[in-house]
Amino acid sequence: QAQLVESGGGLVRAGDSLRLSCAGTTRRAFSAYALGWFRQAPGKEREFVAAINWNGGSTYYADSVKGRFTISRDNSKNTVYLQMNSLKPEDTAVYYCAASSWVTDVQSMGVADDKLSREFDSWGQGTQVTVSS
């Protein structure tokens, strides 16, 4: 089981950029996991944002963030990133990173985006992102 800690959240204005980071505890365990980012806005259910394979060779994004957000990972640093550009007020949420010990292809997880959280078994505590208009 991975232990994950998010950082990088904050208060920004619409159009600004922000990069979130999520660090794992050990390289050996971290590098074997598919990783993802989810977010939860006040009064709404948690939603999928992006995911990346264990080796960084494949990614998958929610339609709402395609072209604006980029997920990447550096296994040598036990870290996954979410680069967020052109931020909008509707991006305001608590952002969570998550790891899956069994997903092998993030483009073929076999469920709708709103059910993807079930494919991830380790979660961080979240970091707040607030985008003002």
Protein backbone atom coordinates (compact mmCIF):
# COMPACT_ATOMS: atom_id res chain seq x y z
CA GLN A 1 0.00 0.00 0.00
CA ALA A 2 1.34 3.40 -1.02
CA GLN A 3 1.34 6.36 1.37
CA LEU A 4 0.75 9.61 -0.49
CA VAL A 5 1.09 13.28 0.45
CA GLU A 6 -0.18 16.08 -1.81
CA SER A 7 1.18 19.62 -1.91
CA GLY A 8 1.04 22.72 -4.10
CA GLY A 9 -2.53 23.87 -3.65
CA GLY A 10 -3.42 27.48 -3.07
CA LEU A 11 -5.49 30.51 -4.02
CA VAL A 12 -5.10 31.75 -7.60
CA ARG A 13 -7.00 33.85 -10.11
CA ALA A 14 -8.75 32.66 -13.25
CA GLY A 15 -6.22 32.12 -16.03
CA ASP A 16 -3.36 31.37 -13.66
CA SER A 17 -1.34 28.15 -13.45
CA LEU A 18 -0.58 25.84 -10.57
CA ARG A 19 1.37 22.60 -10.19
CA LEU A 20 0.36 19.98 -7.68
CA SER A 21 2.75 17.33 -6.41
CA CYS A 22 2.12 14.01 -4.70
CA ALA A 23 4.97 12.12 -3.06
CA GLY A 24 5.07 8.43 -2.19
CA THR A 25 7.01 6.87 0.63
CA THR A 26 9.20 4.33 -1.21
CA ARG A 27 10.48 4.13 -4.78
CA ARG A 28 10.11 0.35 -5.00
CA ALA A 29 6.38 0.40 -4.22
CA PHE A 30 5.58 3.74 -5.88
CA SER A 31 7.06 2.86 -9.27
CA ALA A 32 4.80 -0.20 -9.59
CA TYR A 33 1.55 1.76 -9.23
CA ALA A 34 -0.70 3.45 -11.72
CA LEU A 35 -1.47 6.92 -10.34
CA GLY A 36 -4.37 9.31 -10.64
CA TRP A 37 -5.75 12.68 -9.63
CA PHE A 38 -9.31 13.28 -8.48
CA ARG A 39 -11.09 16.35 -7.17
CA GLN A 40 -14.12 17.16 -5.06
CA ALA A 41 -15.89 20.51 -5.05
CA PRO A 42 -18.22 21.63 -2.23
CA GLY A 43 -21.56 19.87 -2.45
CA LYS A 44 -20.44 17.57 -5.26
CA GLU A 45 -19.18 14.02 -5.55
CA ARG A 46 -15.53 13.23 -6.15
CA GLU A 47 -14.69 13.27 -9.85
CA PHE A 48 -11.88 11.85 -11.95
CA VAL A 49 -9.29 14.25 -13.38
CA ALA A 50 -6.33 12.33 -14.84
CA ALA A 51 -4.39 9.07 -14.62
CA ILE A 52 -0.98 7.76 -15.68
CA ASN A 53 0.54 4.29 -16.10
CA TRP A 54 3.28 2.96 -13.85
CA ASN A 55 6.00 3.85 -16.37
CA GLY A 56 4.50 7.15 -17.53
CA GLY A 57 3.93 5.78 -21.03
CA SER A 58 0.17 6.27 -21.14
CA THR A 59 -2.21 8.91 -19.79
CA TYR A 60 -5.94 9.48 -19.63
CA TYR A 61 -7.83 12.72 -18.94
CA ALA A 62 -11.34 13.81 -18.14
CA ASP A 63 -12.87 15.84 -20.97
CA SER A 64 -13.21 18.86 -18.68
CA VAL A 65 -9.42 19.25 -18.31
CA LYS A 66 -8.05 18.06 -21.67
CA GLY A 67 -5.70 20.63 -23.16
CA ARG A 68 -5.33 22.47 -19.85
CA PHE A 69 -4.01 19.91 -17.35
CA THR A 70 -1.03 17.56 -17.71
CA ILE A 71 -0.24 14.58 -15.50
CA SER A 72 3.35 13.35 -15.27
CA ARG A 73 5.52 11.33 -12.95
CA ASP A 74 9.14 11.01 -11.91
CA ASN A 75 9.68 7.59 -10.40
CA SER A 76 13.23 8.49 -9.35
CA LYS A 77 11.64 11.06 -7.00
CA ASN A 78 8.58 8.97 -6.06
CA THR A 79 6.42 11.85 -7.25
CA VAL A 80 3.43 12.42 -9.53
CA TYR A 81 2.51 15.91 -10.75
CA LEU A 82 -0.55 17.68 -12.05
CA GLN A 83 0.25 20.81 -14.05
CA MET A 84 -2.87 22.97 -14.25
CA ASN A 85 -2.99 25.81 -16.76
CA SER A 86 -5.75 28.26 -17.70
CA LEU A 87 -7.49 27.64 -14.42
CA LYS A 88 -11.18 28.41 -14.14
CA PRO A 89 -13.39 29.05 -11.10
CA GLU A 90 -15.08 25.71 -11.73
CA ASP A 91 -11.71 24.01 -11.07
CA THR A 92 -12.03 24.98 -7.41
CA ALA A 93 -11.94 21.79 -5.34
CA VAL A 94 -9.92 19.65 -3.02
CA TYR A 95 -7.52 17.65 -5.19
CA TYR A 96 -6.53 14.12 -4.23
CA CYS A 97 -3.86 11.84 -5.61
CA ALA A 98 -4.45 8.12 -5.64
CA ALA A 99 -2.59 4.92 -6.47
CA SER A 100 -3.73 1.60 -7.88
CA SER A 101 -1.85 -1.62 -7.24
CA TRP A 102 -3.67 -3.50 -10.01
CA VAL A 103 -4.46 -1.16 -12.93
CA THR A 104 -2.08 -1.91 -15.81
CA ASP A 105 -3.56 0.31 -18.54
CA VAL A 106 -5.19 3.60 -17.58
CA GLN A 107 -6.83 3.82 -21.01
CA SER A 108 -8.62 0.50 -20.51
CA MET A 109 -9.88 0.57 -16.94
CA GLY A 110 -13.28 -0.73 -18.02
CA VAL A 111 -15.60 1.67 -16.20
CA ALA A 112 -17.09 5.12 -16.78
CA ASP A 113 -15.12 8.12 -15.53
CA ASP A 114 -17.56 8.72 -12.66
CA LYS A 115 -16.78 5.22 -11.32
CA LEU A 116 -13.00 5.29 -11.61
CA SER A 117 -12.34 5.90 -7.93
CA ARG A 118 -13.08 2.22 -7.30
CA GLU A 119 -9.95 1.31 -9.27
CA PHE A 120 -7.64 3.11 -6.83
CA ASP A 121 -6.86 1.69 -3.42
CA SER A 122 -4.52 4.26 -1.81
CA TRP A 123 -5.38 7.93 -1.29
CA GLY A 124 -3.73 11.10 -0.06
CA GLN A 125 -5.35 13.61 2.28
CA GLY A 126 -5.97 16.22 -0.41
CA THR A 127 -4.85 19.77 -1.15
CA GLN A 128 -7.17 22.75 -1.65
CA VAL A 129 -7.20 24.63 -4.95
CA THR A 130 -9.26 27.81 -5.08
CA VAL A 131 -9.65 29.81 -8.29
CA SER A 132 -11.19 33.25 -8.01
CA SER A 133 -12.94 35.05 -10.86
